[in-house]
């Protein structure tokens, strides 16, 4: 069981995701958290970036998906991010996507989708 994690929390991106066409045309801010589980064993003794996960690269991968792709469902968006990040020495990833402007008849802070995926 891996208990070592890297968390990138509350990353903000401007994206064009939503069921309605106007959401995919006008866009809005989205907030993303990713929690990546891996084994820090080698990195804690080597103190070398090559032995862990470069979170700058993680940020760039999430940014690319959020800002260049368009999804109708947040579920599909979160799954795409999770599958992209579940590579290398990452054994499990949790992705949370928050959408603050939701077209529904009431007030709320945001809607959040969370997916957790593991290597088989």
PDB file of N, CA and C in Angstrom:
ATOM      1  N   UNK A   1       0.843  -1.191   0.000  1.00  0.00           N
ATOM      2  CA  UNK A   1       0.000   0.000   0.000  1.00  0.00           C
ATOM      3  C   UNK A   1       0.885   1.250   0.000  1.00  0.00           C
ATOM      4  N   UNK A   2       0.647   2.129  -0.945  1.00  0.00           N
ATOM      5  CA  UNK A   2       1.414   3.363  -1.051  1.00  0.00           C
ATOM      6  C   UNK A   2       0.751   4.435  -0.203  1.00  0.00           C
ATOM      7  N   UNK A   3       1.548   5.152   0.594  1.00  0.00           N
ATOM      8  CA  UNK A   3       0.978   6.227   1.401  1.00  0.00           C
ATOM      9  C   UNK A   3       1.679   7.566   1.146  1.00  0.00           C
ATOM     10  N   UNK A   4       2.454   7.629   0.060  1.00  0.00           N
ATOM     11  CA  UNK A   4       3.136   8.862  -0.286  1.00  0.00           C
ATOM     12  C   UNK A   4       2.304   9.587  -1.340  1.00  0.00           C
ATOM     13  N   UNK A   5       2.050  10.880  -1.112  1.00  0.00           N
ATOM     14  CA  UNK A   5       1.164  11.623  -2.013  1.00  0.00           C
ATOM     15  C   UNK A   5       1.732  12.991  -2.361  1.00  0.00           C
ATOM     16  N   UNK A   6       1.427  13.427  -3.568  1.00  0.00           N
ATOM     17  CA  UNK A   6       1.673  14.791  -4.009  1.00  0.00           C
ATOM     18  C   UNK A   6       0.308  15.381  -4.319  1.00  0.00           C
ATOM     19  N   UNK A   7       0.016  16.548  -3.767  1.00  0.00           N
ATOM     20  CA  UNK A   7      -1.280  17.198  -3.945  1.00  0.00           C
ATOM     21  C   UNK A   7      -1.090  18.565  -4.582  1.00  0.00           C
ATOM     22  N   UNK A   8      -1.729  18.763  -5.715  1.00  0.00           N
ATOM     23  CA  UNK A   8      -1.804  20.086  -6.341  1.00  0.00           C
ATOM     24  C   UNK A   8      -3.237  20.532  -6.138  1.00  0.00           C
ATOM     25  N   UNK A   9      -3.429  21.554  -5.347  1.00  0.00           N
ATOM     26  CA  UNK A   9      -4.767  21.929  -4.908  1.00  0.00           C
ATOM     27  C   UNK A   9      -5.187  23.298  -5.414  1.00  0.00           C
ATOM     28  N   UNK A  10      -6.438  23.337  -5.859  1.00  0.00           N
ATOM     29  CA  UNK A  10      -7.112  24.571  -6.255  1.00  0.00           C
ATOM     30  C   UNK A  10      -6.439  25.281  -7.431  1.00  0.00           C
ATOM     31  N   UNK A  11      -5.995  24.482  -8.399  1.00  0.00           N
ATOM     32  CA  UNK A  11      -5.469  25.071  -9.633  1.00  0.00           C
ATOM     33  C   UNK A  11      -6.642  25.709 -10.370  1.00  0.00           C
ATOM     34  N   UNK A  12      -6.459  26.886 -10.910  1.00  0.00           N
ATOM     35  CA  UNK A  12      -7.544  27.583 -11.598  1.00  0.00           C
ATOM     36  C   UNK A  12      -7.235  27.662 -13.084  1.00  0.00           C
ATOM     37  N   UNK A  13      -8.242  27.316 -13.894  1.00  0.00           N
ATOM     38  CA  UNK A  13      -8.113  27.367 -15.343  1.00  0.00           C
ATOM     39  C   UNK A  13      -9.387  27.949 -15.935  1.00  0.00           C
ATOM     40  N   UNK A  14      -9.257  28.566 -17.079  1.00  0.00           N
ATOM     41  CA  UNK A  14     -10.424  29.030 -17.820  1.00  0.00           C
ATOM     42  C   UNK A  14     -10.678  27.994 -18.903  1.00  0.00           C
ATOM     43  N   UNK A  15     -11.870  27.379 -18.840  1.00  0.00           N
ATOM     44  CA  UNK A  15     -12.190  26.306 -19.770  1.00  0.00           C
ATOM     45  C   UNK A  15     -13.567  26.452 -20.378  1.00  0.00           C
ATOM     46  N   UNK A  16     -13.839  25.593 -21.328  1.00  0.00           N
ATOM     47  CA  UNK A  16     -15.086  25.642 -22.099  1.00  0.00           C
ATOM     48  C   UNK A  16     -15.796  24.300 -22.000  1.00  0.00           C
ATOM     49  N   UNK A  17     -16.294  24.000 -20.803  1.00  0.00           N
ATOM     50  CA  UNK A  17     -16.901  22.708 -20.532  1.00  0.00           C
ATOM     51  C   UNK A  17     -18.333  22.915 -20.036  1.00  0.00           C
ATOM     52  N   UNK A  18     -19.230  22.059 -20.482  1.00  0.00           N
ATOM     53  CA  UNK A  18     -20.610  22.126 -20.019  1.00  0.00           C
ATOM     54  C   UNK A  18     -21.551  21.489 -21.017  1.00  0.00           C
ATOM     55  N   UNK A  19     -22.714  21.134 -20.538  1.00  0.00           N
ATOM     56  CA  UNK A  19     -23.727  20.483 -21.366  1.00  0.00           C
ATOM     57  C   UNK A  19     -24.275  21.449 -22.411  1.00  0.00           C
ATOM     58  N   UNK A  20     -24.444  22.699 -22.002  1.00  0.00           N
ATOM     59  CA  UNK A  20     -25.067  23.666 -22.897  1.00  0.00           C
ATOM     60  C   UNK A  20     -24.031  24.301 -23.817  1.00  0.00           C
ATOM     61  N   UNK A  21     -24.443  24.559 -25.042  1.00  0.00           N
ATOM     62  CA  UNK A  21     -23.544  25.124 -26.044  1.00  0.00           C
ATOM     63  C   UNK A  21     -22.940  26.453 -25.587  1.00  0.00           C
ATOM     64  N   UNK A  22     -23.750  27.305 -24.938  1.00  0.00           N
ATOM     65  CA  UNK A  22     -23.217  28.595 -24.499  1.00  0.00           C
ATOM     66  C   UNK A  22     -22.091  28.428 -23.479  1.00  0.00           C
ATOM     67  N   UNK A  23     -22.133  27.368 -22.684  1.00  0.00           N
ATOM     68  CA  UNK A  23     -21.050  27.120 -21.721  1.00  0.00           C
ATOM     69  C   UNK A  23     -19.749  26.788 -22.458  1.00  0.00           C
ATOM     70  N   UNK A  24     -19.871  26.033 -23.541  1.00  0.00           N
ATOM     71  CA  UNK A  24     -18.692  25.649 -24.324  1.00  0.00           C
ATOM     72  C   UNK A  24     -18.217  26.784 -25.230  1.00  0.00           C
ATOM     73  N   UNK A  25     -19.049  27.804 -25.433  1.00  0.00           N
ATOM     74  CA  UNK A  25     -18.647  28.964 -26.233  1.00  0.00           C
ATOM     75  C   UNK A  25     -18.085  30.088 -25.358  1.00  0.00           C
ATOM     76  N   UNK A  26     -18.759  30.399 -24.245  1.00  0.00           N
ATOM     77  CA  UNK A  26     -18.348  31.512 -23.385  1.00  0.00           C
ATOM     78  C   UNK A  26     -17.237  31.119 -22.420  1.00  0.00           C
ATOM     79  N   UNK A  27     -17.305  29.922 -21.912  1.00  0.00           N
ATOM     80  CA  UNK A  27     -16.322  29.442 -20.957  1.00  0.00           C
ATOM     81  C   UNK A  27     -16.498  30.037 -19.569  1.00  0.00           C
ATOM     82  N   UNK A  28     -15.707  29.547 -18.635  1.00  0.00           N
ATOM     83  CA  UNK A  28     -15.709  30.033 -17.255  1.00  0.00           C
ATOM     84  C   UNK A  28     -14.505  29.461 -16.519  1.00  0.00           C
ATOM     85  N   UNK A  29     -14.338  29.889 -15.274  1.00  0.00           N
ATOM     86  CA  UNK A  29     -13.275  29.362 -14.430  1.00  0.00           C
ATOM     87  C   UNK A  29     -13.661  27.991 -13.884  1.00  0.00           C
ATOM     88  N   UNK A  30     -12.667  27.128 -13.799  1.00  0.00           N
ATOM     89  CA  UNK A  30     -12.797  25.821 -13.173  1.00  0.00           C
ATOM     90  C   UNK A  30     -11.627  25.667 -12.201  1.00  0.00           C
ATOM     91  N   UNK A  31     -11.848  24.907 -11.148  1.00  0.00           N
ATOM     92  CA  UNK A  31     -10.820  24.666 -10.147  1.00  0.00           C
ATOM     93  C   UNK A  31     -10.572  23.168 -10.064  1.00  0.00           C
ATOM     94  N   UNK A  32      -9.311  22.796 -10.008  1.00  0.00           N
ATOM     95  CA  UNK A  32      -8.944  21.381 -10.074  1.00  0.00           C
ATOM     96  C   UNK A  32      -7.957  21.049  -8.960  1.00  0.00           C
ATOM     97  N   UNK A  33      -8.197  19.915  -8.311  1.00  0.00           N
ATOM     98  CA  UNK A  33      -7.237  19.324  -7.375  1.00  0.00           C
ATOM     99  C   UNK A  33      -6.817  17.983  -7.955  1.00  0.00           C
ATOM    100  N   UNK A  34      -5.548  17.653  -7.841  1.00  0.00           N
ATOM    101  CA  UNK A  34      -5.098  16.306  -8.161  1.00  0.00           C
ATOM    102  C   UNK A  34      -4.241  15.799  -7.011  1.00  0.00           C
ATOM    103  N   UNK A  35      -4.531  14.592  -6.589  1.00  0.00           N
ATOM    104  CA  UNK A  35      -3.747  13.922  -5.556  1.00  0.00           C
ATOM    105  C   UNK A  35      -3.161  12.669  -6.176  1.00  0.00           C
ATOM    106  N   UNK A  36      -1.839  12.600  -6.200  1.00  0.00           N
ATOM    107  CA  UNK A  36      -1.134  11.517  -6.867  1.00  0.00           C
ATOM    108  C   UNK A  36      -0.402  10.678  -5.832  1.00  0.00           C
ATOM    109  N   UNK A  37      -0.633   9.374  -5.865  1.00  0.00           N
ATOM    110  CA  UNK A  37       0.025   8.455  -4.936  1.00  0.00           C
ATOM    111  C   UNK A  37       1.143   7.714  -5.657  1.00  0.00           C
ATOM    112  N   UNK A  38       2.288   7.714  -5.044  1.00  0.00           N
ATOM    113  CA  UNK A  38       3.451   7.017  -5.575  1.00  0.00           C
ATOM    114  C   UNK A  38       4.386   6.713  -4.425  1.00  0.00           C
ATOM    115  N   UNK A  39       5.437   5.996  -4.701  1.00  0.00           N
ATOM    116  CA  UNK A  39       6.385   5.638  -3.659  1.00  0.00           C
ATOM    117  C   UNK A  39       7.560   6.604  -3.696  1.00  0.00           C
ATOM    118  N   UNK A  40       7.751   7.339  -2.598  1.00  0.00           N
ATOM    119  CA  UNK A  40       8.852   8.290  -2.505  1.00  0.00           C
ATOM    120  C   UNK A  40      10.176   7.627  -2.106  1.00  0.00           C
ATOM    121  N   UNK A  41      10.166   6.302  -1.907  1.00  0.00           N
ATOM    122  CA  UNK A  41      11.314   5.575  -1.369  1.00  0.00           C
ATOM    123  C   UNK A  41      12.655   5.989  -1.925  1.00  0.00           C
ATOM    124  N   UNK A  42      12.813   5.942  -3.239  1.00  0.00           N
ATOM    125  CA  UNK A  42      14.099   6.274  -3.848  1.00  0.00           C
ATOM    126  C   UNK A  42      14.396   7.777  -3.749  1.00  0.00           C
ATOM    127  N   UNK A  43      13.372   8.608  -3.941  1.00  0.00           N
ATOM    128  CA  UNK A  43      13.566  10.063  -3.945  1.00  0.00           C
ATOM    129  C   UNK A  43      14.023  10.608  -2.589  1.00  0.00           C
ATOM    130  N   UNK A  44      13.543  10.023  -1.507  1.00  0.00           N
ATOM    131  CA  UNK A  44      13.916  10.558  -0.189  1.00  0.00           C
ATOM    132  C   UNK A  44      15.386  10.314   0.137  1.00  0.00           C
ATOM    133  N   UNK A  45      15.997   9.318  -0.503  1.00  0.00           N
ATOM    134  CA  UNK A  45      17.419   9.094  -0.257  1.00  0.00           C
ATOM    135  C   UNK A  45      18.295   9.753  -1.318  1.00  0.00           C
ATOM    136  N   UNK A  46      17.808   9.814  -2.566  1.00  0.00           N
ATOM    137  CA  UNK A  46      18.620  10.400  -3.644  1.00  0.00           C
ATOM    138  C   UNK A  46      18.505  11.916  -3.717  1.00  0.00           C
ATOM    139  N   UNK A  47      17.362  12.457  -3.266  1.00  0.00           N
ATOM    140  CA  UNK A  47      17.095  13.895  -3.359  1.00  0.00           C
ATOM    141  C   UNK A  47      17.187  14.372  -4.813  1.00  0.00           C
ATOM    142  N   UNK A  48      16.698  13.511  -5.731  1.00  0.00           N
ATOM    143  CA  UNK A  48      16.796  13.772  -7.168  1.00  0.00           C
ATOM    144  C   UNK A  48      15.393  13.792  -7.775  1.00  0.00           C
ATOM    145  N   UNK A  49      15.085  14.821  -8.541  1.00  0.00           N
ATOM    146  CA  UNK A  49      13.787  14.963  -9.191  1.00  0.00           C
ATOM    147  C   UNK A  49      13.463  13.774 -10.080  1.00  0.00           C
ATOM    148  N   UNK A  50      14.459  13.165 -10.680  1.00  0.00           N
ATOM    149  CA  UNK A  50      14.245  12.007 -11.559  1.00  0.00           C
ATOM    150  C   UNK A  50      13.617  10.828 -10.813  1.00  0.00           C
ATOM    151  N   UNK A  51      13.722  10.799  -9.492  1.00  0.00           N
ATOM    152  CA  UNK A  51      13.222   9.673  -8.707  1.00  0.00           C
ATOM    153  C   UNK A  51      11.843   9.915  -8.104  1.00  0.00           C
ATOM    154  N   UNK A  52      11.211  11.005  -8.483  1.00  0.00           N
ATOM    155  CA  UNK A  52       9.873  11.311  -7.977  1.00  0.00           C
ATOM    156  C   UNK A  52       9.017  11.792  -9.140  1.00  0.00           C
ATOM    157  N   UNK A  53       8.049  12.606  -8.863  1.00  0.00           N
ATOM    158  CA  UNK A  53       7.142  13.121  -9.884  1.00  0.00           C
ATOM    159  C   UNK A  53       7.326  14.626  -9.999  1.00  0.00           C
ATOM    160  N   UNK A  54       7.541  15.092 -11.200  1.00  0.00           N
ATOM    161  CA  UNK A  54       7.723  16.521 -11.450  1.00  0.00           C
ATOM    162  C   UNK A  54       6.345  17.180 -11.482  1.00  0.00           C
ATOM    163  N   UNK A  55       5.990  17.904 -10.427  1.00  0.00           N
ATOM    164  CA  UNK A  55       4.647  18.485 -10.365  1.00  0.00           C
ATOM    165  C   UNK A  55       4.463  19.649 -11.324  1.00  0.00           C
ATOM    166  N   UNK A  56       5.533  20.214 -11.844  1.00  0.00           N
ATOM    167  CA  UNK A  56       5.406  21.215 -12.906  1.00  0.00           C
ATOM    168  C   UNK A  56       4.833  20.545 -14.153  1.00  0.00           C
ATOM    169  N   UNK A  57       5.310  19.354 -14.446  1.00  0.00           N
ATOM    170  CA  UNK A  57       4.792  18.577 -15.575  1.00  0.00           C
ATOM    171  C   UNK A  57       3.330  18.210 -15.356  1.00  0.00           C
ATOM    172  N   UNK A  58       2.978  17.828 -14.132  1.00  0.00           N
ATOM    173  CA  UNK A  58       1.584  17.501 -13.808  1.00  0.00           C
ATOM    174  C   UNK A  58       0.701  18.714 -14.071  1.00  0.00           C
ATOM    175  N   UNK A  59       1.127  19.867 -13.582  1.00  0.00           N
ATOM    176  CA  UNK A  59       0.363  21.096 -13.789  1.00  0.00           C
ATOM    177  C   UNK A  59       0.169  21.363 -15.284  1.00  0.00           C
ATOM    178  N   UNK A  60       1.227  21.232 -16.062  1.00  0.00           N
ATOM    179  CA  UNK A  60       1.147  21.503 -17.497  1.00  0.00           C
ATOM    180  C   UNK A  60       0.197  20.529 -18.205  1.00  0.00           C
ATOM    181  N   UNK A  61       0.185  19.275 -17.784  1.00  0.00           N
ATOM    182  CA  UNK A  61      -0.718  18.294 -18.383  1.00  0.00           C
ATOM    183  C   UNK A  61      -2.183  18.644 -18.090  1.00  0.00           C
ATOM    184  N   UNK A  62      -2.464  19.004 -16.837  1.00  0.00           N
ATOM    185  CA  UNK A  62      -3.831  19.377 -16.460  1.00  0.00           C
ATOM    186  C   UNK A  62      -4.238  20.649 -17.192  1.00  0.00           C
ATOM    187  N   UNK A  63      -3.355  21.626 -17.239  1.00  0.00           N
ATOM    188  CA  UNK A  63      -3.628  22.896 -17.929  1.00  0.00           C
ATOM    189  C   UNK A  63      -3.974  22.641 -19.395  1.00  0.00           C
ATOM    190  N   UNK A  64      -3.219  21.798 -20.048  1.00  0.00           N
ATOM    191  CA  UNK A  64      -3.461  21.498 -21.451  1.00  0.00           C
ATOM    192  C   UNK A  64      -4.854  20.901 -21.665  1.00  0.00           C
ATOM    193  N   UNK A  65      -5.234  19.948 -20.831  1.00  0.00           N
ATOM    194  CA  UNK A  65      -6.559  19.330 -20.952  1.00  0.00           C
ATOM    195  C   UNK A  65      -7.650  20.356 -20.666  1.00  0.00           C
ATOM    196  N   UNK A  66      -7.486  21.117 -19.598  1.00  0.00           N
ATOM    197  CA  UNK A  66      -8.514  22.074 -19.188  1.00  0.00           C
ATOM    198  C   UNK A  66      -8.718  23.181 -20.210  1.00  0.00           C
ATOM    199  N   UNK A  67      -7.638  23.642 -20.835  1.00  0.00           N
ATOM    200  CA  UNK A  67      -7.718  24.830 -21.676  1.00  0.00           C
ATOM    201  C   UNK A  67      -7.787  24.548 -23.175  1.00  0.00           C
ATOM    202  N   UNK A  68      -7.502  23.333 -23.610  1.00  0.00           N
ATOM    203  CA  UNK A  68      -7.533  23.065 -25.048  1.00  0.00           C
ATOM    204  C   UNK A  68      -8.614  22.081 -25.467  1.00  0.00           C
ATOM    205  N   UNK A  69      -9.181  21.351 -24.531  1.00  0.00           N
ATOM    206  CA  UNK A  69     -10.233  20.386 -24.853  1.00  0.00           C
ATOM    207  C   UNK A  69     -11.568  20.918 -24.360  1.00  0.00           C
ATOM    208  N   UNK A  70     -12.645  20.366 -24.889  1.00  0.00           N
ATOM    209  CA  UNK A  70     -13.996  20.745 -24.462  1.00  0.00           C
ATOM    210  C   UNK A  70     -14.784  19.489 -24.154  1.00  0.00           C
ATOM    211  N   UNK A  71     -15.362  19.458 -22.955  1.00  0.00           N
ATOM    212  CA  UNK A  71     -16.165  18.324 -22.519  1.00  0.00           C
ATOM    213  C   UNK A  71     -17.558  18.804 -22.140  1.00  0.00           C
ATOM    214  N   UNK A  72     -18.555  17.984 -22.415  1.00  0.00           N
ATOM    215  CA  UNK A  72     -19.906  18.295 -21.961  1.00  0.00           C
ATOM    216  C   UNK A  72     -20.049  17.950 -20.476  1.00  0.00           C
ATOM    217  N   UNK A  73     -19.461  16.833 -20.080  1.00  0.00           N
ATOM    218  CA  UNK A  73     -19.616  16.362 -18.701  1.00  0.00           C
ATOM    219  C   UNK A  73     -18.328  16.513 -17.901  1.00  0.00           C
ATOM    220  N   UNK A  74     -18.465  17.000 -16.678  1.00  0.00           N
ATOM    221  CA  UNK A  74     -17.311  17.089 -15.785  1.00  0.00           C
ATOM    222  C   UNK A  74     -16.766  15.695 -15.481  1.00  0.00           C
ATOM    223  N   UNK A  75     -17.644  14.702 -15.483  1.00  0.00           N
ATOM    224  CA  UNK A  75     -17.210  13.329 -15.253  1.00  0.00           C
ATOM    225  C   UNK A  75     -16.189  12.899 -16.312  1.00  0.00           C
ATOM    226  N   UNK A  76     -16.476  13.218 -17.570  1.00  0.00           N
ATOM    227  CA  UNK A  76     -15.566  12.867 -18.665  1.00  0.00           C
ATOM    228  C   UNK A  76     -14.268  13.667 -18.567  1.00  0.00           C
ATOM    229  N   UNK A  77     -14.366  14.909 -18.185  1.00  0.00           N
ATOM    230  CA  UNK A  77     -13.196  15.762 -18.013  1.00  0.00           C
ATOM    231  C   UNK A  77     -12.284  15.207 -16.919  1.00  0.00           C
ATOM    232  N   UNK A  78     -12.859  14.894 -15.756  1.00  0.00           N
ATOM    233  CA  UNK A  78     -12.076  14.362 -14.637  1.00  0.00           C
ATOM    234  C   UNK A  78     -11.447  13.020 -14.994  1.00  0.00           C
ATOM    235  N   UNK A  79     -12.176  12.178 -15.699  1.00  0.00           N
ATOM    236  CA  UNK A  79     -11.644  10.877 -16.121  1.00  0.00           C
ATOM    237  C   UNK A  79     -10.461  11.052 -17.064  1.00  0.00           C
ATOM    238  N   UNK A  80     -10.561  11.984 -17.987  1.00  0.00           N
ATOM    239  CA  UNK A  80      -9.476  12.240 -18.930  1.00  0.00           C
ATOM    240  C   UNK A  80      -8.218  12.697 -18.201  1.00  0.00           C
ATOM    241  N   UNK A  81      -8.387  13.586 -17.245  1.00  0.00           N
ATOM    242  CA  UNK A  81      -7.238  14.037 -16.448  1.00  0.00           C
ATOM    243  C   UNK A  81      -6.640  12.867 -15.680  1.00  0.00           C
ATOM    244  N   UNK A  82      -7.486  12.068 -15.030  1.00  0.00           N
ATOM    245  CA  UNK A  82      -7.008  10.936 -14.233  1.00  0.00           C
ATOM    246  C   UNK A  82      -6.217   9.952 -15.083  1.00  0.00           C
ATOM    247  N   UNK A  83      -6.751   9.585 -16.236  1.00  0.00           N
ATOM    248  CA  UNK A  83      -6.060   8.613 -17.092  1.00  0.00           C
ATOM    249  C   UNK A  83      -4.741   9.173 -17.620  1.00  0.00           C
ATOM    250  N   UNK A  84      -4.697  10.451 -17.894  1.00  0.00           N
ATOM    251  CA  UNK A  84      -3.464  11.084 -18.366  1.00  0.00           C
ATOM    252  C   UNK A  84      -2.384  11.056 -17.289  1.00  0.00           C
ATOM    253  N   UNK A  85      -2.780  11.289 -16.046  1.00  0.00           N
ATOM    254  CA  UNK A  85      -1.804  11.370 -14.953  1.00  0.00           C
ATOM    255  C   UNK A  85      -1.420  10.009 -14.381  1.00  0.00           C
ATOM    256  N   UNK A  86      -2.197   8.979 -14.690  1.00  0.00           N
ATOM    257  CA  UNK A  86      -1.942   7.640 -14.149  1.00  0.00           C
ATOM    258  C   UNK A  86      -0.888   6.940 -15.023  1.00  0.00           C
ATOM    259  N   UNK A  87       0.326   7.452 -14.961  1.00  0.00           N
ATOM    260  CA  UNK A  87       1.412   6.903 -15.757  1.00  0.00           C
ATOM    261  C   UNK A  87       2.691   6.958 -14.939  1.00  0.00           C
ATOM    262  N   UNK A  88       3.738   6.416 -15.497  1.00  0.00           N
ATOM    263  CA  UNK A  88       5.012   6.418 -14.782  1.00  0.00           C
ATOM    264  C   UNK A  88       4.899   5.697 -13.458  1.00  0.00           C
ATOM    265  N   UNK A  89       5.429   6.323 -12.401  1.00  0.00           N
ATOM    266  CA  UNK A  89       5.408   5.673 -11.089  1.00  0.00           C
ATOM    267  C   UNK A  89       4.187   6.056 -10.243  1.00  0.00           C
ATOM    268  N   UNK A  90       3.204   6.745 -10.834  1.00  0.00           N
ATOM    269  CA  UNK A  90       1.958   7.055 -10.127  1.00  0.00           C
ATOM    270  C   UNK A  90       1.110   5.786 -10.083  1.00  0.00           C
ATOM    271  N   UNK A  91       0.696   5.381  -8.888  1.00  0.00           N
ATOM    272  CA  UNK A  91      -0.108   4.165  -8.767  1.00  0.00           C
ATOM    273  C   UNK A  91      -1.586   4.459  -8.537  1.00  0.00           C
ATOM    274  N   UNK A  92      -1.884   5.671  -8.077  1.00  0.00           N
ATOM    275  CA  UNK A  92      -3.281   6.066  -7.863  1.00  0.00           C
ATOM    276  C   UNK A  92      -3.394   7.574  -7.999  1.00  0.00           C
ATOM    277  N   UNK A  93      -4.517   8.025  -8.545  1.00  0.00           N
ATOM    278  CA  UNK A  93      -4.750   9.454  -8.691  1.00  0.00           C
ATOM    279  C   UNK A  93      -6.203   9.759  -8.332  1.00  0.00           C
ATOM    280  N   UNK A  94      -6.391  10.850  -7.616  1.00  0.00           N
ATOM    281  CA  UNK A  94      -7.726  11.381  -7.347  1.00  0.00           C
ATOM    282  C   UNK A  94      -7.788  12.760  -7.977  1.00  0.00           C
ATOM    283  N   UNK A  95      -8.845  12.983  -8.753  1.00  0.00           N
ATOM    284  CA  UNK A  95      -9.036  14.265  -9.434  1.00  0.00           C
ATOM    285  C   UNK A  95     -10.356  14.851  -8.971  1.00  0.00           C
ATOM    286  N   UNK A  96     -10.329  16.110  -8.562  1.00  0.00           N
ATOM    287  CA  UNK A  96     -11.540  16.853  -8.214  1.00  0.00           C
ATOM    288  C   UNK A  96     -11.639  18.055  -9.136  1.00  0.00           C
ATOM    289  N   UNK A  97     -12.786  18.207  -9.801  1.00  0.00           N
ATOM    290  CA  UNK A  97     -13.031  19.349 -10.673  1.00  0.00           C
ATOM    291  C   UNK A  97     -14.227  20.103 -10.116  1.00  0.00           C
ATOM    292  N   UNK A  98     -14.040  21.414  -9.867  1.00  0.00           N
ATOM    293  CA  UNK A  98     -15.118  22.256  -9.346  1.00  0.00           C
ATOM    294  C   UNK A  98     -15.532  23.281 -10.397  1.00  0.00           C
ATOM    295  N   UNK A  99     -16.845  23.412 -10.539  1.00  0.00           N
ATOM    296  CA  UNK A  99     -17.424  24.371 -11.479  1.00  0.00           C
ATOM    297  C   UNK A  99     -18.305  25.316 -10.674  1.00  0.00           C
ATOM    298  N   UNK A 100     -17.907  26.588 -10.537  1.00  0.00           N
ATOM    299  CA  UNK A 100     -18.666  27.511  -9.695  1.00  0.00           C
ATOM    300  C   UNK A 100     -19.963  28.031 -10.321  1.00  0.00           C
ATOM    301  N   UNK A 101     -19.993  28.226 -11.626  1.00  0.00           N
ATOM    302  CA  UNK A 101     -21.201  28.766 -12.273  1.00  0.00           C
ATOM    303  C   UNK A 101     -21.970  27.618 -12.909  1.00  0.00           C
ATOM    304  N   UNK A 102     -22.970  27.158 -12.184  1.00  0.00           N
ATOM    305  CA  UNK A 102     -23.760  26.016 -12.627  1.00  0.00           C
ATOM    306  C   UNK A 102     -25.162  26.499 -12.999  1.00  0.00           C
ATOM    307  N   UNK A 103     -25.647  26.128 -14.193  1.00  0.00           N
ATOM    308  CA  UNK A 103     -26.974  26.592 -14.612  1.00  0.00           C
ATOM    309  C   UNK A 103     -28.095  25.803 -13.927  1.00  0.00           C
ATOM    310  N   UNK A 104     -28.395  26.201 -12.714  1.00  0.00           N
ATOM    311  CA  UNK A 104     -29.520  25.598 -11.999  1.00  0.00           C
ATOM    312  C   UNK A 104     -30.245  26.685 -11.219  1.00  0.00           C
ATOM    313  N   UNK A 105     -31.517  26.450 -10.906  1.00  0.00           N
ATOM    314  CA  UNK A 105     -32.322  27.503 -10.266  1.00  0.00           C
ATOM    315  C   UNK A 105     -32.110  27.592  -8.757  1.00  0.00           C
ATOM    316  N   UNK A 106     -30.936  28.010  -8.343  1.00  0.00           N
ATOM    317  CA  UNK A 106     -30.651  28.133  -6.920  1.00  0.00           C
ATOM    318  C   UNK A 106     -29.211  28.559  -6.718  1.00  0.00           C
ATOM    319  N   UNK A 107     -28.867  28.818  -5.465  1.00  0.00           N
ATOM    320  CA  UNK A 107     -27.531  29.284  -5.110  1.00  0.00           C
ATOM    321  C   UNK A 107     -26.701  28.131  -4.558  1.00  0.00           C
ATOM    322  N   UNK A 108     -25.451  28.074  -4.969  1.00  0.00           N
ATOM    323  CA  UNK A 108     -24.490  27.149  -4.399  1.00  0.00           C
ATOM    324  C   UNK A 108     -23.094  27.663  -4.706  1.00  0.00           C
ATOM    325  N   UNK A 109     -22.127  27.207  -3.947  1.00  0.00           N
ATOM    326  CA  UNK A 109     -20.749  27.642  -4.179  1.00  0.00           C
ATOM    327  C   UNK A 109     -20.190  27.038  -5.465  1.00  0.00           C
ATOM    328  N   UNK A 110     -20.392  25.724  -5.644  1.00  0.00           N
ATOM    329  CA  UNK A 110     -19.865  25.036  -6.818  1.00  0.00           C
ATOM    330  C   UNK A 110     -20.419  23.622  -6.854  1.00  0.00           C
ATOM    331  N   UNK A 111     -20.265  22.994  -7.999  1.00  0.00           N
ATOM    332  CA  UNK A 111     -20.502  21.560  -8.134  1.00  0.00           C
ATOM    333  C   UNK A 111     -19.127  20.932  -8.253  1.00  0.00           C
ATOM    334  N   UNK A 112     -18.934  19.776  -7.634  1.00  0.00           N
ATOM    335  CA  UNK A 112     -17.631  19.113  -7.687  1.00  0.00           C
ATOM    336  C   UNK A 112     -17.791  17.663  -8.121  1.00  0.00           C
ATOM    337  N   UNK A 113     -16.921  17.244  -9.010  1.00  0.00           N
ATOM    338  CA  UNK A 113     -16.852  15.858  -9.431  1.00  0.00           C
ATOM    339  C   UNK A 113     -15.530  15.323  -8.913  1.00  0.00           C
ATOM    340  N   UNK A 114     -15.541  14.099  -8.378  1.00  0.00           N
ATOM    341  CA  UNK A 114     -14.318  13.481  -7.891  1.00  0.00           C
ATOM    342  C   UNK A 114     -14.223  12.067  -8.438  1.00  0.00           C
ATOM    343  N   UNK A 115     -13.071  11.746  -9.026  1.00  0.00           N
ATOM    344  CA  UNK A 115     -12.801  10.380  -9.480  1.00  0.00           C
ATOM    345  C   UNK A 115     -11.468   9.931  -8.890  1.00  0.00           C
ATOM    346  N   UNK A 116     -11.390   8.669  -8.541  1.00  0.00           N
ATOM    347  CA  UNK A 116     -10.146   8.047  -8.081  1.00  0.00           C
ATOM    348  C   UNK A 116      -9.892   6.845  -8.963  1.00  0.00           C
ATOM    349  N   UNK A 117      -8.698   6.778  -9.521  1.00  0.00           N
ATOM    350  CA  UNK A 117      -8.320   5.692 -10.406  1.00  0.00           C
ATOM    351  C   UNK A 117      -6.976   5.127  -9.959  1.00  0.00           C
ATOM    352  N   UNK A 118      -6.829   3.804 -10.093  1.00  0.00           N
ATOM    353  CA  UNK A 118      -5.600   3.123  -9.712  1.00  0.00           C
ATOM    354  C   UNK A 118      -5.102   2.274 -10.863  1.00  0.00           C
ATOM    355  N   UNK A 119      -3.804   2.033 -10.862  1.00  0.00           N
ATOM    356  CA  UNK A 119      -3.241   1.069 -11.821  1.00  0.00           C
ATOM    357  C   UNK A 119      -3.713  -0.312 -11.434  1.00  0.00           C
ATOM    358  N   UNK A 120      -3.921  -1.107 -12.411  1.00  0.00           N
ATOM    359  CA  UNK A 120      -4.393  -2.480 -12.144  1.00  0.00           C
ATOM    360  C   UNK A 120      -3.242  -3.383 -11.798  1.00  0.00           C
TER     361      UNK A 120
END
